[in-house]
Amino acid sequence: MAKSRNTPNNIEVEIAILGCIILDNSVMPQLIDQVSADDFYDVRNQTIYKTMCGLYDEKQAIDFTTLINRLTLQNEFGKAGGTEFISNLVEAVPTTSNIDTYVAILKDLSIKRKLIDASLEISSAGYDINRNSNDYIDYAEKVLQDIIQKRSTSSFRNIEDVTINVKQITEENTKKIKGITGLYTGFSNLDNHTLGLQPESLLILAARPAMGKSAFAMNLATQVASKNRGIKGDKAVVAVFSLEMGAEQLVSRMLSSEANIEQDKIKKGDMTSQEWRKFEAASQALMNLKIYFDDSASVTVNDIRAKCRKLYQDEGLDLVVIDYLQLIKGEGRNGNRQEEVSNISRGLKQLARELKIPVIALSQLSRDVEKREDKKPIMADLRESGSIEQDADIVMFLYRDEYYNKDKSSHPGEAELIIAKNRSGSTGTLHYLFEGSFARFKIKAEDYLQEH
């Protein structure tokens, strides 16, 4: 025989909270931003709390008399349980000292009810024959994410607590080599400008096609995975979302860079015995790194968030690389791509903050670059959305002059990394040599000597 199931609720706790308010109106400021009327299960308590909030907003006293008067004016006196129910609130609790406990119980039960309702809503939506499975998953994740965001709303933090935390971080940073407080990128000139890839930061690496942004991103991923300790004390974990190229193609490039063997030779398998040995050694080195690939061609921000959360829980996660932002599928249904890209960049920033890790998103630049005589990118070239610039902590552009001036370039093989925005550090232009045959970037020799 199946057990009967009751909807999660605790009427005594609800009454205790309302009683605390009547006993001492000064508890309202801490309640009004934590507790909403729909956190109460009993419709009588919902009605009374909503009326209390109205009185508080109008700077009116909240007591038996004002409640009765306001409920009567609103024609909700009966809905609130009448005189006997309301009078019992006055004697419900002798003290407000346990109100935090009452609120915690109330919120816990409210979230359970919301999850139950969400599961029923998700279940019902699954029967819609016009909704494909990907849309259904996106919808289900959004419904649950709304509840999660409400649960994680935080209260104010006292400056004393924040200052203590800053002091601890500062003391820990004194132990870091050369002042690099984030993840080492393997490029000392970039590290000096950024102090390493910082937690909770969104970095945008933007360029026109064929500038080498995917190669640069894979160089960063390899270096981060090989040169840093992760949050779990082992090798750093890097997640790569490649929406444009397959994982095999990316790893082939990484092997070319690591083994110092041209990409064409690896593709054809046309290597000398010595090159095969280097290839095997590079393969072994890469296999020892904790780099995880997702090369799904169609992915949403919610997909990325869900996969990153799982990897974070299972293995730890220290860096996310996304190639590239404009290929992420929007979740809006109004066809406004600019708004979709805005939501995507905002979602990536939220992911960085939630997991406290850096997120690097590659981005295409608009074709307006090609119309100018000076082809060096500027902020206005960020494609489809100005919110990318607003959400990003760091915006970097890759530029290679020889791409546009093959025969007359004064800097053959040179690539510029233009740091156009750096919320917590310096901007400027860094110089590299791009070895396209090996999908590899190197600091220019003269710049390397200056850095060291």
Protein backbone atom coordinates (compact mmCIF):
# COMPACT_ATOMS: atom_id res chain seq x y z
CA MET A 1 0.00 0.00 0.00
CA ALA A 2 1.52 3.34 -1.06
CA LYS A 3 2.25 5.92 1.63
CA SER A 4 0.28 9.15 1.40
CA ARG A 5 2.52 12.17 0.83
CA ASN A 6 1.97 15.61 2.31
CA THR A 7 3.17 18.82 0.74
CA PRO A 8 6.18 20.07 2.74
CA ASN A 9 5.06 22.76 5.19
CA ASN A 10 5.20 23.82 8.84
CA ILE A 11 2.27 26.02 9.87
CA GLU A 12 3.66 26.47 13.40
CA VAL A 13 6.88 27.98 12.00
CA GLU A 14 4.88 30.29 9.74
CA ILE A 15 2.79 31.49 12.68
CA ALA A 16 5.94 31.93 14.78
CA ILE A 17 7.48 34.24 12.15
CA LEU A 18 4.31 36.37 11.96
CA GLY A 19 4.20 36.45 15.75
CA CYS A 20 7.81 37.67 15.87
CA ILE A 21 6.90 40.55 13.56
CA ILE A 22 4.00 41.63 15.80
CA LEU A 23 6.17 41.23 18.90
CA ASP A 24 9.00 43.34 17.47
CA ASN A 25 8.54 45.28 14.22
CA SER A 26 12.34 45.81 14.01
CA VAL A 27 12.75 42.28 12.56
CA MET A 28 11.03 43.38 9.34
CA PRO A 29 14.12 44.87 7.61
CA GLN A 30 15.92 41.51 7.75
CA LEU A 31 12.82 39.60 6.66
CA ILE A 32 11.52 41.68 3.80
CA ASP A 33 14.40 40.85 1.43
CA GLN A 34 14.69 37.21 2.52
CA VAL A 35 11.07 36.12 2.73
CA SER A 36 8.29 36.55 0.18
CA ALA A 37 4.60 35.87 0.66
CA ASP A 38 4.76 32.72 -1.46
CA ASP A 39 7.29 31.22 0.96
CA PHE A 40 4.27 30.66 3.27
CA TYR A 41 2.17 27.59 2.57
CA ASP A 42 -1.03 28.58 4.40
CA VAL A 43 -3.06 31.14 2.40
CA ARG A 44 -4.01 32.88 5.66
CA ASN A 45 -0.34 33.39 6.53
CA GLN A 46 0.43 34.52 2.95
CA THR A 47 -2.30 37.15 3.19
CA ILE A 48 -1.19 38.40 6.60
CA TYR A 49 2.50 38.61 5.66
CA LYS A 50 1.70 40.47 2.45
CA THR A 51 -0.35 42.96 4.47
CA MET A 52 2.47 43.32 7.00
CA CYS A 53 4.88 44.15 4.15
CA GLY A 54 2.45 46.80 2.90
CA LEU A 55 2.27 48.40 6.35
CA TYR A 56 6.05 48.31 6.66
CA ASP A 57 6.51 49.97 3.25
CA GLU A 58 4.18 52.76 4.41
CA LYS A 59 6.16 53.08 7.67
CA GLN A 60 3.08 52.07 9.69
CA ALA A 61 3.15 50.14 12.95
CA ILE A 62 2.38 46.42 12.62
CA ASP A 63 0.14 45.22 15.45
CA PHE A 64 -3.18 43.52 16.03
CA THR A 65 -5.22 46.69 15.47
CA THR A 66 -3.45 47.92 12.32
CA LEU A 67 -3.58 44.43 10.81
CA ILE A 68 -7.32 44.06 11.41
CA ASN A 69 -7.95 47.52 10.01
CA ARG A 70 -5.85 47.02 6.86
CA LEU A 71 -7.21 43.52 6.14
CA THR A 72 -10.75 44.85 6.48
CA LEU A 73 -10.05 47.71 4.08
CA GLN A 74 -8.61 45.19 1.60
CA ASN A 75 -11.67 42.90 2.00
CA GLU A 76 -9.27 40.13 3.06
CA PHE A 77 -10.19 39.83 6.73
CA GLY A 78 -11.92 36.47 6.23
CA LYS A 79 -9.16 35.24 3.91
CA ALA A 80 -6.67 35.95 6.71
CA GLY A 81 -8.50 33.70 9.17
CA GLY A 82 -10.57 36.23 11.07
CA THR A 83 -10.21 37.66 14.58
CA GLU A 84 -9.44 34.42 16.40
CA PHE A 85 -6.63 33.34 14.04
CA ILE A 86 -4.99 36.78 14.03
CA SER A 87 -5.25 37.20 17.81
CA ASN A 88 -3.42 33.89 18.26
CA LEU A 89 -0.43 35.36 16.40
CA VAL A 90 0.08 37.89 19.17
CA GLU A 91 0.67 35.09 21.70
CA ALA A 92 2.49 32.76 19.29
CA VAL A 93 6.05 33.43 20.52
CA PRO A 94 7.51 34.94 23.69
CA THR A 95 10.74 36.13 22.03
CA THR A 96 12.23 36.87 18.60
CA SER A 97 15.59 35.23 19.44
CA ASN A 98 14.87 32.16 17.28
CA ILE A 99 13.64 34.00 14.20
CA ASP A 100 16.71 33.06 12.10
CA THR A 101 15.96 29.39 12.73
CA TYR A 102 12.30 29.89 11.83
CA VAL A 103 13.24 31.63 8.57
CA ALA A 104 15.72 28.88 7.64
CA ILE A 105 13.00 26.22 8.10
CA LEU A 106 10.48 28.31 6.17
CA LYS A 107 12.86 28.82 3.23
CA ASP A 108 13.89 25.16 3.15
CA LEU A 109 10.27 23.99 2.93
CA SER A 110 9.44 26.68 0.38
CA ILE A 111 12.27 25.56 -1.91
CA LYS A 112 11.11 21.94 -1.65
CA ARG A 113 7.60 22.97 -2.70
CA LYS A 114 8.97 25.03 -5.57
CA LEU A 115 11.05 22.06 -6.74
CA ILE A 116 8.01 19.80 -6.59
CA ASP A 117 6.01 22.33 -8.61
CA ALA A 118 8.91 22.71 -11.05
CA SER A 119 9.16 18.95 -11.56
CA LEU A 120 5.44 18.79 -12.35
CA GLU A 121 5.80 21.74 -14.74
CA ILE A 122 8.79 20.09 -16.43
CA SER A 123 6.96 16.78 -16.65
CA SER A 124 3.92 18.42 -18.23
CA ALA A 125 6.06 20.30 -20.77
CA GLY A 126 7.59 17.00 -21.88
CA TYR A 127 4.31 16.01 -23.49
CA ASP A 128 4.45 18.97 -25.90
CA ILE A 129 4.99 17.30 -29.30
CA ASN A 130 6.18 20.60 -30.81
CA ARG A 131 9.17 20.83 -28.45
CA ASN A 132 12.33 18.90 -29.40
CA SER A 133 14.55 17.28 -26.77
CA ASN A 134 17.23 20.00 -26.80
CA ASP A 135 14.64 22.73 -26.25
CA TYR A 136 13.05 20.61 -23.52
CA ILE A 137 16.37 20.20 -21.70
CA ASP A 138 17.05 23.95 -21.97
CA TYR A 139 13.59 24.67 -20.60
CA ALA A 140 14.01 22.23 -17.69
CA GLU A 141 17.40 23.70 -16.77
CA LYS A 142 16.02 27.24 -16.89
CA VAL A 143 13.12 26.35 -14.58
CA LEU A 144 15.53 24.79 -12.08
CA GLN A 145 18.09 27.58 -12.48
CA ASP A 146 15.48 30.17 -11.50
CA ILE A 147 14.98 28.33 -8.20
CA ILE A 148 18.72 27.97 -7.64
CA GLN A 149 19.28 31.71 -8.15
CA LYS A 150 16.57 32.55 -5.64
CA ARG A 151 18.09 30.15 -3.14
CA SER A 152 21.60 31.60 -3.53
CA THR A 153 20.60 35.24 -2.97
CA SER A 154 23.10 36.47 -0.42
CA SER A 155 22.86 39.05 2.32
CA PHE A 156 25.19 41.96 2.96
CA ARG A 157 28.73 41.17 4.07
CA ASN A 158 30.24 43.26 6.84
CA ILE A 159 33.35 45.23 5.82
CA GLU A 160 35.25 43.67 8.72
CA ASP A 161 34.70 40.16 7.32
CA VAL A 162 35.59 41.26 3.79
CA THR A 163 38.74 43.03 4.99
CA ILE A 164 39.90 39.94 6.87
CA ASN A 165 39.38 37.90 3.70
CA VAL A 166 41.36 40.42 1.61
CA LYS A 167 44.22 40.33 4.15
CA GLN A 168 44.34 36.51 4.00
CA ILE A 169 44.40 36.56 0.19
CA THR A 170 47.14 39.22 0.21
CA GLU A 171 49.26 37.18 2.64
CA GLU A 172 48.86 34.09 0.45
CA ASN A 173 49.81 36.11 -2.64
CA THR A 174 53.14 37.09 -1.08
CA LYS A 175 54.15 33.45 -1.47
CA LYS A 176 53.43 33.48 -5.22
CA ILE A 177 56.38 33.67 -7.63
CA LYS A 178 56.97 37.09 -9.26
CA GLY A 179 53.64 38.38 -8.02
CA ILE A 180 51.58 36.13 -10.31
CA THR A 181 48.40 35.59 -8.29
CA GLY A 182 46.31 33.73 -10.89
CA LEU A 183 46.99 30.87 -13.28
CA TYR A 184 50.26 30.95 -15.22
CA THR A 185 49.61 31.27 -18.95
CA GLY A 186 53.12 30.28 -20.07
CA PHE A 187 53.53 33.73 -21.64
CA SER A 188 55.47 35.86 -19.16
CA ASN A 189 54.57 39.14 -20.85
CA LEU A 190 50.86 38.33 -20.60
CA ASP A 191 51.25 37.19 -16.99
CA ASN A 192 52.94 40.49 -16.10
CA HIS A 193 49.97 42.45 -17.43
CA THR A 194 47.26 40.26 -15.89
CA LEU A 195 49.12 38.78 -12.87
CA GLY A 196 47.92 35.47 -14.27
CA LEU A 197 44.39 34.40 -15.20
CA GLN A 198 42.32 35.59 -12.25
CA PRO A 199 39.41 33.75 -10.59
CA GLU A 200 35.88 34.93 -11.45
CA SER A 201 37.12 36.80 -14.54
CA LEU A 202 35.74 36.68 -18.08
CA LEU A 203 38.39 37.15 -20.75
CA ILE A 204 37.47 37.84 -24.36
CA LEU A 205 40.01 36.95 -27.05
CA ALA A 206 38.75 38.46 -30.29
CA ALA A 207 40.06 38.57 -33.85
CA ARG A 208 39.09 38.33 -37.48
CA PRO A 209 39.29 34.83 -39.03
CA ALA A 210 42.76 33.36 -39.74
CA MET A 211 44.53 35.45 -37.07
CA GLY A 212 45.28 32.36 -34.98
CA LYS A 213 42.94 32.87 -32.04
CA SER A 214 42.10 29.15 -31.75
CA ALA A 215 45.82 28.30 -31.79
CA PHE A 216 46.54 30.92 -29.13
CA ALA A 217 43.69 29.60 -26.97
CA MET A 218 45.00 26.03 -27.24
CA ASN A 219 48.50 27.25 -26.36
CA LEU A 220 46.99 28.83 -23.24
CA ALA A 221 44.99 25.70 -22.37
CA THR A 222 48.09 23.48 -22.65
CA GLN A 223 50.27 25.84 -20.64
CA VAL A 224 47.68 26.31 -17.88
CA ALA A 225 47.17 22.55 -17.59
CA SER A 226 50.90 21.84 -17.42
CA LYS A 227 52.18 24.74 -15.28
CA ASN A 228 49.55 25.08 -12.53
CA ARG A 229 48.16 23.20 -9.58
CA GLY A 230 44.40 22.93 -9.53
CA ILE A 231 41.86 23.57 -6.80
CA LYS A 232 42.19 19.95 -5.67
CA GLY A 233 45.99 20.15 -5.40
CA ASP A 234 46.71 18.06 -8.49
CA LYS A 235 47.29 19.29 -12.04
CA ALA A 236 45.00 22.10 -13.16
CA VAL A 237 41.83 21.02 -14.95
CA VAL A 238 40.87 22.79 -18.18
CA ALA A 239 37.55 22.44 -20.02
CA VAL A 240 37.54 23.28 -23.74
CA PHE A 241 34.27 23.84 -25.58
CA SER A 242 35.01 23.75 -29.30
CA LEU A 243 31.95 24.62 -31.36
CA GLU A 244 33.86 25.06 -34.62
CA MET A 245 36.44 22.26 -34.73
CA GLY A 246 36.42 18.67 -33.59
CA ALA A 247 38.49 17.60 -30.58
CA GLU A 248 40.78 15.49 -32.78
CA GLN A 249 41.63 18.51 -34.93
CA LEU A 250 42.46 20.57 -31.86
CA VAL A 251 44.63 17.88 -30.31
CA SER A 252 46.41 17.40 -33.62
CA ARG A 253 47.34 21.08 -33.48
CA MET A 254 48.44 20.74 -29.87
CA LEU A 255 50.64 17.79 -30.78
CA SER A 256 52.20 19.78 -33.61
CA SER A 257 53.05 22.58 -31.21
CA GLU A 258 54.38 20.29 -28.48
CA ALA A 259 56.35 17.95 -30.73
CA ASN A 260 57.65 20.71 -33.01
CA ILE A 261 56.39 18.83 -36.05
CA GLU A 262 54.54 20.57 -38.86
CA GLN A 263 50.80 19.98 -38.90
CA ASP A 264 50.80 18.68 -42.48
CA LYS A 265 53.25 15.92 -41.55
CA ILE A 266 51.06 14.80 -38.66
CA LYS A 267 47.95 14.82 -40.85
CA LYS A 268 49.65 12.63 -43.45
CA GLY A 269 51.58 10.49 -40.98
CA ASP A 270 54.63 11.34 -43.08
CA MET A 271 57.28 11.56 -40.37
CA THR A 272 60.86 10.39 -39.95
CA SER A 273 61.71 7.91 -37.21
CA GLN A 274 63.03 10.76 -35.08
CA GLU A 275 59.82 12.73 -35.60
CA TRP A 276 57.77 9.69 -34.64
CA ARG A 277 59.69 9.50 -31.36
CA LYS A 278 59.00 13.19 -30.71
CA PHE A 279 55.37 12.61 -31.64
CA GLU A 280 55.09 9.74 -29.14
CA ALA A 281 56.73 11.79 -26.39
CA ALA A 282 54.39 14.74 -27.04
CA SER A 283 51.39 12.39 -27.07
CA GLN A 284 52.38 10.98 -23.69
CA ALA A 285 52.88 14.47 -22.26
CA LEU A 286 49.46 15.61 -23.44
CA MET A 287 47.75 12.46 -22.16
CA ASN A 288 49.07 13.27 -18.67
CA LEU A 289 47.29 16.64 -18.68
CA LYS A 290 43.76 17.19 -17.39
CA ILE A 291 42.19 18.80 -20.43
CA TYR A 292 38.59 17.86 -21.27
CA PHE A 293 36.92 18.57 -24.60
CA ASP A 294 33.32 19.09 -25.60
CA ASP A 295 33.01 19.49 -29.35
CA SER A 296 29.21 19.53 -29.59
CA ALA A 297 28.27 21.63 -32.58
CA SER A 298 25.17 23.05 -30.89
CA VAL A 299 25.40 24.14 -27.27
CA THR A 300 23.72 26.73 -25.04
CA VAL A 301 25.07 28.61 -22.03
CA ASN A 302 22.96 26.34 -19.82
CA ASP A 303 24.61 23.31 -21.45
CA ILE A 304 28.04 24.78 -20.74
CA ARG A 305 27.09 25.63 -17.16
CA ALA A 306 25.70 22.16 -16.46
CA LYS A 307 28.74 20.37 -17.89
CA CYS A 308 31.16 22.65 -16.05
CA ARG A 309 29.36 22.12 -12.75
CA LYS A 310 29.59 18.34 -13.16
CA LEU A 311 33.27 18.46 -14.08
CA TYR A 312 33.90 20.83 -11.15
CA GLN A 313 32.31 18.34 -8.76
CA ASP A 314 33.94 15.24 -10.28
CA GLU A 315 37.47 16.40 -11.10
CA GLY A 316 37.74 20.05 -10.10
CA LEU A 317 37.87 22.81 -12.70
CA ASP A 318 40.35 25.68 -13.05
CA LEU A 319 39.83 27.18 -16.51
CA VAL A 320 37.15 27.15 -19.21
CA VAL A 321 37.94 27.95 -22.85
CA ILE A 322 35.12 28.48 -25.35
CA ASP A 323 35.73 28.62 -29.11
CA TYR A 324 33.79 30.66 -29.92
CA LEU A 325 31.13 32.89 -28.33
CA GLN A 326 28.99 33.66 -31.39
CA LEU A 327 28.47 29.95 -32.08
CA ILE A 328 26.77 29.41 -28.72
CA LYS A 329 23.09 28.80 -29.31
CA GLY A 330 20.78 31.48 -27.94
CA GLU A 331 17.85 30.58 -25.74
CA GLY A 332 15.59 33.45 -26.67
CA ARG A 333 12.70 32.95 -29.06
CA ASN A 334 12.32 36.50 -30.34
CA GLY A 335 15.02 36.27 -33.01
CA ASN A 336 16.99 39.21 -31.60
CA ARG A 337 20.57 37.97 -31.95
CA GLN A 338 22.08 41.01 -30.25
CA GLU A 339 19.98 40.34 -27.16
CA GLU A 340 20.91 36.65 -27.30
CA VAL A 341 24.63 37.44 -27.42
CA SER A 342 24.17 39.83 -24.50
CA ASN A 343 22.56 37.02 -22.49
CA ILE A 344 25.35 34.65 -23.50
CA SER A 345 28.17 36.95 -22.39
CA ARG A 346 26.33 37.67 -19.14
CA GLY A 347 25.84 33.94 -18.57
CA LEU A 348 29.55 33.27 -19.08
CA LYS A 349 30.44 35.97 -16.55
CA GLN A 350 28.00 34.42 -14.08
CA LEU A 351 29.64 31.02 -14.66
CA ALA A 352 33.07 32.48 -13.87
CA ARG A 353 31.76 34.02 -10.66
CA GLU A 354 29.81 30.94 -9.58
CA LEU A 355 32.76 28.53 -9.94
CA LYS A 356 35.37 31.20 -9.06
CA ILE A 357 37.47 30.40 -12.12
CA PRO A 358 38.59 32.31 -15.22
CA VAL A 359 36.58 31.80 -18.41
CA ILE A 360 38.16 32.59 -21.78
CA ALA A 361 35.71 33.10 -24.63
CA LEU A 362 36.91 33.58 -28.19
CA SER A 363 34.95 36.05 -30.27
CA GLN A 364 34.66 37.03 -33.91
CA LEU A 365 35.05 40.67 -34.89
CA SER A 366 32.69 42.43 -37.28
CA ARG A 367 33.51 42.86 -40.96
CA ASP A 368 33.83 46.61 -40.40
CA VAL A 369 37.52 45.95 -39.75
CA GLU A 370 38.01 45.08 -43.41
CA LYS A 371 36.53 48.40 -44.54
CA ARG A 372 39.13 50.48 -42.72
CA GLU A 373 42.58 51.35 -43.91
CA ASP A 374 43.93 50.62 -40.45
CA LYS A 375 42.95 47.00 -39.82
CA LYS A 376 43.93 46.90 -36.15
CA PRO A 377 40.82 46.01 -34.14
CA ILE A 378 39.14 48.33 -31.68
CA MET A 379 36.39 47.85 -29.09
CA ALA A 380 33.67 48.92 -31.52
CA ASP A 381 34.55 45.89 -33.68
CA LEU A 382 33.24 43.40 -31.13
CA ARG A 383 30.55 41.65 -33.09
CA GLU A 384 26.82 41.78 -32.33
CA SER A 385 26.83 43.15 -28.82
CA GLY A 386 28.32 45.97 -26.80
CA SER A 387 27.52 43.97 -23.66
CA ILE A 388 30.51 41.72 -24.41
CA GLU A 389 32.75 44.67 -23.62
CA GLN A 390 30.76 45.47 -20.47
CA ASP A 391 30.73 41.91 -19.10
CA ALA A 392 34.39 41.17 -19.83
CA ASP A 393 37.12 41.85 -17.29
CA ILE A 394 39.77 41.64 -20.01
CA VAL A 395 39.36 42.19 -23.75
CA MET A 396 42.24 41.14 -26.00
CA PHE A 397 42.60 41.38 -29.78
CA LEU A 398 44.91 39.32 -31.97
CA TYR A 399 46.30 41.06 -35.03
CA ARG A 400 48.81 39.97 -37.68
CA ASP A 401 49.92 42.64 -40.14
CA GLU A 402 51.31 40.16 -42.65
CA TYR A 403 47.83 38.68 -43.17
CA TYR A 404 46.80 41.95 -44.83
CA ASN A 405 50.21 42.85 -46.27
CA LYS A 406 51.77 39.54 -47.28
CA ASP A 407 54.42 40.99 -49.58
CA LYS A 408 55.24 44.28 -47.89
CA SER A 409 54.78 43.60 -44.21
CA SER A 410 57.64 44.98 -42.14
CA HIS A 411 56.94 42.36 -39.46
CA PRO A 412 56.76 38.90 -41.10
CA GLY A 413 55.52 36.25 -38.69
CA GLU A 414 54.78 38.82 -35.98
CA ALA A 415 51.50 38.80 -34.08
CA GLU A 416 50.23 41.49 -31.74
CA LEU A 417 48.10 40.78 -28.70
CA ILE A 418 46.36 44.06 -27.96
CA ILE A 419 45.05 44.25 -24.40
CA ALA A 420 42.33 46.86 -24.92
CA LYS A 421 40.60 46.48 -21.56
CA ASN A 422 41.95 45.19 -18.28
CA ARG A 423 39.72 45.87 -15.30
CA SER A 424 42.40 45.07 -12.74
CA GLY A 425 45.66 45.73 -14.54
CA SER A 426 47.45 47.45 -17.37
CA THR A 427 46.63 47.60 -21.06
CA GLY A 428 49.05 47.63 -23.99
CA THR A 429 50.33 45.63 -26.93
CA LEU A 430 52.32 42.41 -26.54
CA HIS A 431 54.42 40.99 -29.37
CA TYR A 432 54.67 37.35 -30.44
CA LEU A 433 55.93 35.26 -33.30
CA PHE A 434 53.23 33.11 -34.89
CA GLU A 435 54.44 29.82 -36.29
CA GLY A 436 51.43 28.81 -38.31
CA SER A 437 52.82 25.43 -39.40
CA PHE A 438 53.02 24.44 -35.73
CA ALA A 439 49.91 26.30 -34.47
CA ARG A 440 52.17 27.99 -31.96
CA PHE A 441 52.84 31.44 -30.53
CA LYS A 442 56.16 32.46 -28.97
CA ILE A 443 57.24 35.65 -27.22
CA LYS A 444 59.56 37.62 -29.51
CA ALA A 445 63.19 37.21 -28.47
CA GLU A 446 63.75 40.89 -27.67
CA ASP A 447 60.53 41.05 -25.63
CA TYR A 448 61.52 37.87 -23.79
CA LEU A 449 64.86 39.41 -22.80
CA GLN A 450 63.07 42.53 -21.54
CA GLU A 451 60.72 40.41 -19.46
CA HIS A 452 63.64 38.53 -17.93
